[in-house]
Structures are given as structure tokens and as C-alpha cells.
Amino acid sequence: MTDKTVRLLDRGVEISGTRETADGYLIADAVIARSGIYVYEAEELGLDGWAGPVRVYKPESSLTDEAAMRTLSHAPVTFGHPTKDVSPETWREVAVGETSTDMKWENGRLRVPLIIKDAKAIRAIKDGTRELSPGYMTLLRFEEGVTPGGEPYELIQQSIEFNHVAVVDYARGGHECRIGDRADQWGVSPIIQSKQEDNMPDALKSVALGDVAVQIAASDAASVEAFKAAEKKRFADQETAHKAALDAKDAELAKKDAEIKQLKDAALDDAALDKRVQERAALLDNARKLDPQIKTAGLSDGDIRKTALAKVLGDAAIADKDDAYVNAMFDIQVDQAKDSKTASKTVGGRAETPALLVDQNHKPAGTTTWDSIRAKRSGKKKDAA
């Protein structure tokens, strides 16, 4: 196929590093283009007989070519894309600034400083209109190949001639094409050439709509700008409300997850449940050794021990005692009950069971302090070992 020359607009490149001069002009630093693969629809490139997406390679050599760099030097900056290429005849009407000569190639990107001198454009940039869209002419060569990074392509861009750099509200990529949202990876689309006369009536005024500058009646410009501001605010409000709804839903899900985790942590597995049943059964058996008629339904382990001890020692013996004391005293009384059963003997045809060894102060016989109880418990453990 024959090579094709087309006029293109890069989309949504970020303005960054802005500062003001003493005279109020705005100096900005911008990435104008990057090397790599761009994917377009065939109709975007005006390719007759093609269908579907087309992979176009823009090599570093095309962007850093001396001739291409010269066309970018002092290129006019416009507010929105003009309906035709900027020329000496239209420059006064559409230009709001120009690029500098201090161009740099950094990390696969072409960076160029620019200056904005128009007050309206400066205010728009400060208010958030911070995207750039270069307009240029390039030769599309029909050449299939693979980039150094291993990506296939069908066409290659060569002989780039920059015409202007436009400040735009939004790139044609839509809502996602905002500063910070991978702006350097958006594609291009053809400039639609206007067939209108070169002269412009004084009653018309340029207004940026999206990434295109249109001419409207000067009397309507204020209304259009107000509508743009209202729409921009509406979109921002919708985004804020959407984010708030997502945050609320995330918080609700996090709460549910925490509740589920709490329930899982509280649940006993089969082994733990078996162990708990055995421990409870052993406790009930020991409690009945002290009080055969004890009622344990609905009682906790601690209450069962206290109830059994109260039967043997009386309520006063365990009043105001902590759990450690109750547990130790319960074990001692159970041990004594077992010893008493073993020592039972038949006297005159009847069984006698010695009384549990508890003195009048409700302490184990032969002991006088809580330390003695603990000492005895400690001794039993050592014997068992």
C-alpha cells in the first residue's frame, strides 16, 4: 500500500511544574510525546479498506529527529485545537503562548517547556484545565515489524512536523483522561480540516469545547463558559458521591468480615469440643463426690465448685474468695473425699466414712494458711511427676 500523510492530535498530555514570572506569565513543563505502540481504529487514521484496530509504532528516532524537533521549537500554544492548522494568518486569533527551545528526551518521553501569556488561558490552567494535546503532521509508512521491546506493529510514524500544542479541558478518551491517569499512553486522532474562509468576523470568539476550539458569537461566550463550569462541577460532584457510596459499602463489608471472623474464632473445633465435654463431665463427677444431690443445670464451672464447697464447708468458707482459692480448695476436698472412700471400713456391719479433714476455720486439717494449701497442691504435682 502507498504511504499516507495525515494530521494528528496527541491526546491529554499532562502540564506539570508550573510557575509564574514577575509579569504574571505562566511557565510550564510538559511531556509532549512518548515512543512506543499506539492503537487506533482504522477510520481514525482515514484508512480505506481497513477494519478494526491498527497498531502504529512511533519510534524514538522519529521524535528526536532534528527536523521534527525544529518544528516544535517556538510552536504556538492554543486554547483548544483550532479548526485548522495555525499559520501566520491565524496565529493572532488562536495563540495564547508558545513552546521553548529547551527540549529534552528523558526516559522515552519528549519534554518541552512552554509559556502561557493569555490571561484567560492562565486562569483556566489554574482552575484545572491542565491537559495538553499536540497537533502535528506525520507520514504513516505501511511497514509491519516488531519493536525492540517485542511488540508487533503494522504502521510506523515518520517525518513528524509539529504545528501547535493545545491546552484542553478533557482529552477525547472521556472521563478517565485526566491528569495523573496514565496521560502519556493515550492515542491520537485526525484533525478535521475546516473549509471555512480564512478571515474571521470580529463578532466571533474562540471557545474550547473538549479538545477542539470552536467559533461562537461573542455574546454567547459567557453562557458557554458558565455551562462548561457547571458541567465540570456536576461531574466532580457525581464522582465524589460515587466514591462516598463505595467507601460506605467497603466499611459495611469490612464490618461483616470482622463479625464473621469473630464468630469463627469463637467456634470450637471437634477436638476442642471433645476436650471440653470430658472436662465438664469430670467436674460434675467430682462435685457429686462432695454433694451427691447437687443441681448443676445452668451453672458455670466456677459456680459448680462454689456450690459443692458450700455444701461441705458452708457459705462463709468461700465468701469473697477468688477463683484460684476456690479451685484449689475444691481439688483438696475432692482428694479428701476420694481418700475417705478408700479408707472406709465396715464396723459392726455398717460402713463408716471419716469426716472430711476440715478444721473449724474451714481450712484443711493440719494447715493454717492459704500458702499451706498452695504448698500441698504443689507437692501433689511434684509427686505426680
Protein backbone atom coordinates (compact mmCIF):
# COMPACT_ATOMS: atom_id res chain seq x y z
CA MET A 1 0.00 0.00 0.00
CA THR A 2 1.04 3.62 -0.54
CA ASP A 3 2.34 5.53 2.45
CA LYS A 4 -0.11 8.09 3.82
CA THR A 5 0.43 11.55 5.32
CA VAL A 6 -2.10 12.53 7.98
CA ARG A 7 -2.58 15.31 10.51
CA LEU A 8 -2.85 14.02 14.07
CA LEU A 9 -3.64 15.22 17.58
CA ASP A 10 -1.98 13.56 20.56
CA ARG A 11 -4.38 13.28 23.48
CA GLY A 12 -4.25 14.54 27.03
CA VAL A 13 -0.57 15.12 27.87
CA GLU A 14 -0.01 16.49 31.36
CA ILE A 15 1.07 20.01 32.23
CA SER A 16 3.39 19.96 35.25
CA GLY A 17 5.91 22.13 37.10
CA THR A 18 4.06 25.41 36.58
CA ARG A 19 5.35 28.75 37.90
CA GLU A 20 4.61 32.42 37.29
CA THR A 21 7.01 35.07 36.08
CA ALA A 22 7.21 38.52 37.64
CA ASP A 23 4.98 39.79 34.83
CA GLY A 24 2.30 37.18 35.53
CA TYR A 25 3.05 34.85 32.62
CA LEU A 26 2.83 31.12 33.30
CA ILE A 27 5.83 28.87 32.68
CA ALA A 28 5.05 25.14 32.49
CA ASP A 29 6.92 21.90 31.85
CA ALA A 30 5.15 19.26 29.75
CA VAL A 31 5.64 15.80 28.26
CA ILE A 32 4.63 16.21 24.62
CA ALA A 33 5.02 12.65 23.31
CA ARG A 34 6.42 9.19 24.02
CA SER A 35 7.83 6.44 21.88
CA GLY A 36 6.05 3.10 21.61
CA ILE A 37 2.90 1.48 20.24
CA TYR A 38 -0.37 3.39 19.74
CA VAL A 39 -3.58 1.53 18.87
CA TYR A 40 -6.24 3.29 16.76
CA GLU A 41 -9.33 2.40 14.83
CA ALA A 42 -8.65 2.34 11.09
CA GLU A 43 -11.25 5.03 10.48
CA GLU A 44 -9.42 7.36 12.88
CA LEU A 45 -6.46 7.30 10.51
CA GLY A 46 -8.59 7.54 7.36
CA LEU A 47 -7.50 4.11 6.15
CA ASP A 48 -9.95 2.96 3.48
CA GLY A 49 -10.45 -0.79 3.29
CA TRP A 50 -9.13 -1.42 6.81
CA ALA A 51 -11.27 -2.62 9.71
CA GLY A 52 -10.71 -2.88 13.43
CA PRO A 53 -7.75 -1.67 15.48
CA VAL A 54 -4.42 -0.72 13.90
CA ARG A 55 -1.11 -0.85 15.80
CA VAL A 56 1.10 2.13 14.95
CA TYR A 57 4.71 2.41 16.12
CA LYS A 58 6.15 5.81 16.98
CA PRO A 59 9.91 5.20 17.34
CA GLU A 60 12.26 7.37 19.35
CA SER A 61 14.11 8.23 16.15
CA SER A 62 11.01 9.95 14.72
CA LEU A 63 10.52 12.07 17.83
CA THR A 64 14.17 13.02 18.30
CA ASP A 65 14.77 13.69 14.62
CA GLU A 66 16.39 17.12 14.21
CA ALA A 67 13.80 18.25 11.69
CA ALA A 68 10.92 17.24 13.98
CA MET A 69 12.49 18.99 16.95
CA ARG A 70 12.89 22.20 14.92
CA THR A 71 9.16 22.28 14.18
CA LEU A 72 8.42 22.06 17.91
CA SER A 73 10.70 24.98 18.76
CA HIS A 74 8.61 28.13 19.40
CA ALA A 75 5.48 26.28 18.27
CA PRO A 76 2.28 28.19 19.16
CA VAL A 77 0.25 27.11 22.17
CA THR A 78 -3.52 27.36 21.65
CA PHE A 79 -6.53 27.20 23.94
CA GLY A 80 -8.27 24.17 22.44
CA HIS A 81 -7.45 22.83 18.98
CA PRO A 82 -8.16 25.33 16.20
CA THR A 83 -10.30 24.11 13.33
CA LYS A 84 -7.30 24.37 11.00
CA ASP A 85 -3.53 24.47 11.31
CA VAL A 86 -2.06 27.54 12.99
CA SER A 87 -0.47 29.88 10.46
CA PRO A 88 0.75 33.48 10.38
CA GLU A 89 -2.76 34.43 9.26
CA THR A 90 -4.48 32.75 12.24
CA TRP A 91 -1.78 32.99 14.95
CA ARG A 92 -3.08 36.26 16.44
CA GLU A 93 -6.59 34.82 16.80
CA VAL A 94 -5.76 31.44 18.37
CA ALA A 95 -2.34 31.54 20.04
CA VAL A 96 -2.09 32.00 23.84
CA GLY A 97 1.64 31.24 24.20
CA GLU A 98 4.49 29.24 22.70
CA THR A 99 6.92 26.43 23.40
CA SER A 100 10.58 26.88 24.27
CA THR A 101 13.72 25.66 22.53
CA ASP A 102 14.95 23.73 25.61
CA MET A 103 13.58 20.33 24.60
CA LYS A 104 14.75 17.14 26.32
CA TRP A 105 14.38 13.42 25.67
CA GLU A 106 14.00 11.68 29.06
CA ASN A 107 13.05 8.06 29.74
CA GLY A 108 11.35 7.56 26.39
CA ARG A 109 9.45 10.87 26.56
CA LEU A 110 9.83 14.21 24.80
CA ARG A 111 9.65 17.03 27.34
CA VAL A 112 9.43 20.73 26.41
CA PRO A 113 8.89 23.91 28.47
CA LEU A 114 6.22 26.35 27.35
CA ILE A 115 4.98 29.81 28.30
CA ILE A 116 1.33 30.88 28.51
CA LYS A 117 0.76 34.61 28.07
CA ASP A 118 -3.02 34.87 27.72
CA ALA A 119 -4.80 35.80 30.99
CA LYS A 120 -7.86 33.65 30.27
CA ALA A 121 -5.75 30.60 29.48
CA ILE A 122 -3.67 31.14 32.63
CA ARG A 123 -6.83 31.28 34.76
CA ALA A 124 -8.17 28.14 33.08
CA ILE A 125 -4.96 26.22 33.84
CA LYS A 126 -5.04 27.36 37.47
CA ASP A 127 -8.69 26.25 37.65
CA GLY A 128 -7.85 22.73 36.49
CA THR A 129 -7.63 22.76 32.68
CA ARG A 130 -4.23 21.09 32.72
CA GLU A 131 -4.05 18.81 29.70
CA LEU A 132 -2.07 19.32 26.51
CA SER A 133 -2.80 17.90 23.08
CA PRO A 134 -0.12 18.40 20.38
CA GLY A 135 -1.25 18.75 16.78
CA TYR A 136 1.15 17.60 14.04
CA MET A 137 1.50 16.08 10.61
CA THR A 138 3.20 12.69 10.17
CA LEU A 139 3.91 10.16 7.46
CA LEU A 140 2.33 6.74 8.13
CA ARG A 141 4.50 4.10 6.48
CA PHE A 142 2.87 0.73 5.85
CA GLU A 143 5.55 -1.48 7.33
CA GLU A 144 4.95 -4.49 9.54
CA GLY A 145 7.54 -5.19 12.18
CA VAL A 146 8.36 -5.72 15.85
CA THR A 147 9.59 -3.04 18.29
CA PRO A 148 12.81 -3.53 20.28
CA GLY A 149 10.54 -4.45 23.18
CA GLY A 150 8.92 -7.28 21.20
CA GLU A 151 5.59 -5.60 20.32
CA PRO A 152 4.26 -6.11 16.78
CA TYR A 153 3.06 -3.19 14.65
CA GLU A 154 1.51 -2.61 11.24
CA LEU A 155 2.40 1.03 10.52
CA ILE A 156 5.22 3.31 11.59
CA GLN A 157 5.21 7.09 12.11
CA GLN A 158 7.94 9.06 10.35
CA SER A 159 8.69 12.67 9.34
CA ILE A 160 6.78 14.32 12.19
CA GLU A 161 6.07 18.05 11.80
CA PHE A 162 4.60 19.73 14.88
CA ASN A 163 2.14 22.56 14.23
CA HIS A 164 0.85 23.58 17.68
CA VAL A 165 0.22 22.42 21.26
CA ALA A 166 -3.35 22.89 22.58
CA VAL A 167 -4.49 23.42 26.18
CA VAL A 168 -7.72 21.38 26.56
CA ASP A 169 -10.37 20.67 29.19
CA TYR A 170 -10.67 16.93 28.62
CA ALA A 171 -9.00 14.51 26.25
CA ARG A 172 -11.25 12.62 23.84
CA GLY A 173 -10.66 9.48 25.91
CA GLY A 174 -13.51 10.66 28.19
CA HIS A 175 -13.77 10.82 31.98
CA GLU A 176 -10.68 8.68 32.60
CA CYS A 177 -8.43 11.01 30.59
CA ARG A 178 -7.39 13.31 33.41
CA ILE A 179 -4.07 14.44 34.75
CA GLY A 180 -2.38 11.58 36.56
CA ASP A 181 -4.41 8.85 34.84
CA ARG A 182 -1.62 7.48 32.59
CA ALA A 183 -1.86 10.52 30.34
CA ASP A 184 1.27 9.58 28.41
CA GLN A 185 -0.37 6.45 26.98
CA TRP A 186 -3.36 7.96 25.17
CA GLY A 187 -3.57 7.84 21.38
CA VAL A 188 -4.25 10.26 18.55
CA SER A 189 -6.99 11.14 16.12
CA PRO A 190 -7.03 13.09 12.82
CA ILE A 191 -7.55 16.83 12.68
CA ILE A 192 -10.77 17.56 10.81
CA GLN A 193 -9.81 20.25 8.33
CA SER A 194 -12.20 23.17 8.12
CA LYS A 195 -13.32 24.51 4.73
CA GLN A 196 -14.34 27.90 6.10
CA GLU A 197 -12.74 31.12 4.86
CA ASP A 198 -9.51 32.22 6.47
CA ASN A 199 -10.91 35.56 7.65
CA MET A 200 -12.89 35.53 10.92
CA PRO A 201 -15.62 38.04 11.74
CA ASP A 202 -14.90 40.27 14.68
CA ALA A 203 -18.22 39.17 16.28
CA LEU A 204 -16.95 35.58 16.77
CA LYS A 205 -14.92 34.31 19.70
CA SER A 206 -12.89 31.10 20.15
CA VAL A 207 -14.15 28.78 22.90
CA ALA A 208 -12.62 25.41 23.84
CA LEU A 209 -15.12 22.56 23.79
CA GLY A 210 -13.41 19.35 24.83
CA ASP A 211 -10.15 19.35 22.84
CA VAL A 212 -11.41 21.45 19.93
CA ALA A 213 -11.65 25.24 19.66
CA VAL A 214 -14.89 26.44 18.06
CA GLN A 215 -16.04 29.86 17.00
CA ILE A 216 -19.23 31.16 18.55
CA ALA A 217 -20.91 34.55 18.83
CA ALA A 218 -19.01 36.70 21.31
CA SER A 219 -22.26 37.46 23.11
CA ASP A 220 -22.75 33.73 23.83
CA ALA A 221 -19.24 33.06 25.12
CA ALA A 222 -20.03 33.85 28.76
CA SER A 223 -23.02 31.49 28.74
CA VAL A 224 -20.98 28.68 27.21
CA GLU A 225 -18.19 29.14 29.76
CA ALA A 226 -20.76 29.11 32.60
CA PHE A 227 -22.26 25.90 31.21
CA LYS A 228 -18.81 24.29 31.00
CA ALA A 229 -18.07 25.25 34.60
CA ALA A 230 -21.42 23.87 35.77
CA GLU A 231 -20.88 20.58 33.92
CA LYS A 232 -17.38 20.25 35.31
CA LYS A 233 -18.74 20.75 38.84
CA ARG A 234 -21.56 18.27 38.19
CA PHE A 235 -19.11 15.60 37.08
CA ALA A 236 -16.92 16.28 40.12
CA ASP A 237 -19.92 16.06 42.47
CA GLN A 238 -21.01 12.78 40.89
CA GLU A 239 -17.53 11.37 41.30
CA THR A 240 -17.44 12.47 44.96
CA ALA A 241 -20.85 10.92 45.67
CA HIS A 242 -19.86 7.71 43.91
CA LYS A 243 -16.66 7.47 45.93
CA ALA A 244 -18.57 8.11 49.18
CA ALA A 245 -21.01 5.30 48.31
CA LEU A 246 -18.14 2.93 47.58
CA ASP A 247 -16.40 3.88 50.83
CA ALA A 248 -19.60 3.24 52.80
CA LYS A 249 -20.06 -0.15 51.14
CA ASP A 250 -16.42 -1.04 51.84
CA ALA A 251 -16.90 -0.12 55.50
CA GLU A 252 -20.04 -2.27 55.69
CA LEU A 253 -18.24 -5.24 54.13
CA ALA A 254 -15.29 -4.79 56.48
CA LYS A 255 -17.66 -4.84 59.46
CA LYS A 256 -19.31 -8.05 58.21
CA ASP A 257 -15.90 -9.65 57.67
CA ALA A 258 -14.91 -8.76 61.23
CA GLU A 259 -18.13 -10.28 62.60
CA ILE A 260 -17.60 -13.47 60.61
CA LYS A 261 -14.02 -13.73 61.85
CA GLN A 262 -15.17 -13.19 65.44
CA LEU A 263 -17.72 -15.99 65.10
CA LYS A 264 -15.14 -18.32 63.56
CA ASP A 265 -12.64 -17.56 66.30
CA ALA A 266 -15.27 -18.23 68.97
CA ALA A 267 -16.38 -21.55 67.49
CA LEU A 268 -14.93 -24.77 68.92
CA ASP A 269 -13.48 -27.34 66.60
CA ASP A 270 -14.25 -31.05 67.10
CA ALA A 271 -11.15 -31.79 69.21
CA ALA A 272 -11.69 -28.78 71.45
CA LEU A 273 -15.34 -29.69 71.89
CA ASP A 274 -14.48 -33.27 72.90
CA LYS A 275 -11.96 -31.97 75.42
CA ARG A 276 -14.47 -29.54 76.87
CA VAL A 277 -17.11 -32.26 77.28
CA GLN A 278 -14.61 -34.51 79.09
CA GLU A 279 -13.54 -31.69 81.40
CA ARG A 280 -17.17 -30.87 82.24
CA ALA A 281 -18.01 -34.50 82.91
CA ALA A 282 -15.01 -34.86 85.24
CA LEU A 283 -16.03 -31.69 87.11
CA LEU A 284 -19.61 -32.95 87.60
CA ASP A 285 -18.33 -36.29 88.84
CA ASN A 286 -16.03 -34.59 91.37
CA ALA A 287 -18.76 -32.20 92.51
CA ARG A 288 -21.08 -35.15 93.28
CA LYS A 289 -18.37 -36.64 95.47
CA LEU A 290 -18.85 -33.60 97.73
CA ASP A 291 -22.61 -33.20 97.23
CA PRO A 292 -24.41 -36.17 95.68
CA GLN A 293 -27.62 -34.10 95.36
CA ILE A 294 -26.02 -31.05 93.71
CA LYS A 295 -28.03 -29.29 90.97
CA THR A 296 -25.69 -28.18 88.18
CA ALA A 297 -28.06 -27.20 85.39
CA GLY A 298 -27.21 -23.73 84.07
CA LEU A 299 -24.20 -23.31 86.37
CA SER A 300 -20.74 -22.33 85.20
CA ASP A 301 -17.72 -24.39 86.19
CA GLY A 302 -16.82 -21.87 88.89
CA ASP A 303 -20.36 -21.85 90.33
CA ILE A 304 -20.42 -25.66 90.46
CA ARG A 305 -17.22 -25.66 92.55
CA LYS A 306 -18.57 -22.99 94.90
CA THR A 307 -21.90 -24.80 95.34
CA ALA A 308 -20.15 -28.10 96.15
CA LEU A 309 -17.76 -26.41 98.61
CA ALA A 310 -20.61 -24.57 100.30
CA LYS A 311 -22.28 -27.93 100.94
CA VAL A 312 -19.15 -29.21 102.69
CA LEU A 313 -17.72 -26.08 104.32
CA GLY A 314 -20.64 -23.68 104.44
CA ASP A 315 -21.18 -20.44 102.55
CA ALA A 316 -18.93 -18.40 104.83
CA ALA A 317 -15.94 -20.57 103.95
CA ILE A 318 -15.88 -19.40 100.34
CA ALA A 319 -17.37 -15.93 100.67
CA ASP A 320 -15.24 -13.28 98.94
CA LYS A 321 -12.67 -15.91 97.89
CA ASP A 322 -11.06 -15.57 94.45
CA ASP A 323 -11.22 -18.24 91.76
CA ALA A 324 -7.72 -19.52 92.48
CA TYR A 325 -8.63 -20.20 96.11
CA VAL A 326 -11.93 -21.85 95.18
CA ASN A 327 -10.28 -24.07 92.56
CA ALA A 328 -7.53 -25.20 94.93
CA MET A 329 -9.93 -25.82 97.86
CA PHE A 330 -12.26 -27.77 95.56
CA ASP A 331 -9.42 -30.04 94.40
CA ILE A 332 -8.31 -30.60 98.00
CA GLN A 333 -11.82 -31.52 99.16
CA VAL A 334 -12.27 -33.86 96.20
CA ASP A 335 -8.95 -35.55 97.00
CA GLN A 336 -10.00 -35.94 100.66
CA ALA A 337 -13.34 -37.37 99.55
CA LYS A 338 -11.52 -39.93 97.43
CA ASP A 339 -9.17 -40.75 100.33
CA SER A 340 -12.14 -41.09 102.68
CA LYS A 341 -13.86 -43.50 100.33
CA THR A 342 -10.72 -45.60 100.10
CA ALA A 343 -10.34 -45.58 103.89
CA SER A 344 -13.95 -46.59 104.52
CA LYS A 345 -14.30 -49.70 106.66
CA THR A 346 -17.09 -51.85 107.96
CA VAL A 347 -17.74 -51.54 111.70
CA GLY A 348 -20.43 -53.75 113.23
CA GLY A 349 -21.93 -54.50 109.84
CA ARG A 350 -22.08 -50.87 108.69
CA ALA A 351 -19.75 -48.65 106.67
CA GLU A 352 -18.08 -45.68 108.33
CA THR A 353 -16.62 -42.81 106.31
CA PRO A 354 -14.29 -40.45 108.15
CA ALA A 355 -15.32 -36.78 108.02
CA LEU A 356 -13.53 -34.57 105.51
CA LEU A 357 -10.42 -33.11 107.04
CA VAL A 358 -11.51 -29.53 107.59
CA ASP A 359 -10.95 -27.54 110.80
CA GLN A 360 -13.27 -25.02 112.35
CA ASN A 361 -11.79 -22.24 110.22
CA HIS A 362 -12.71 -24.10 107.04
CA LYS A 363 -9.12 -24.91 106.25
CA PRO A 364 -7.66 -28.35 105.53
CA ALA A 365 -6.68 -30.17 108.71
CA GLY A 366 -3.11 -29.51 109.71
CA THR A 367 -2.91 -26.27 107.72
CA THR A 368 -3.43 -22.70 108.83
CA THR A 369 -2.86 -20.51 105.80
CA TRP A 370 -3.62 -20.19 102.08
CA ASP A 371 0.11 -20.67 101.49
CA SER A 372 -0.23 -24.11 103.09
CA ILE A 373 -2.95 -25.01 100.58
CA ARG A 374 -0.76 -23.97 97.73
CA ALA A 375 2.20 -25.83 99.18
CA LYS A 376 0.14 -29.02 99.42
CA ARG A 377 -1.11 -28.59 95.83
CA SER A 378 2.43 -28.05 94.66
CA GLY A 379 3.58 -31.15 96.48
CA LYS A 380 0.90 -33.27 94.82
CA LYS A 381 2.01 -32.09 91.41
CA LYS A 382 5.63 -32.98 92.15
CA ASP A 383 4.62 -36.44 93.41
CA ALA A 384 2.60 -36.97 90.24
CA ALA A 385 5.59 -36.01 88.15
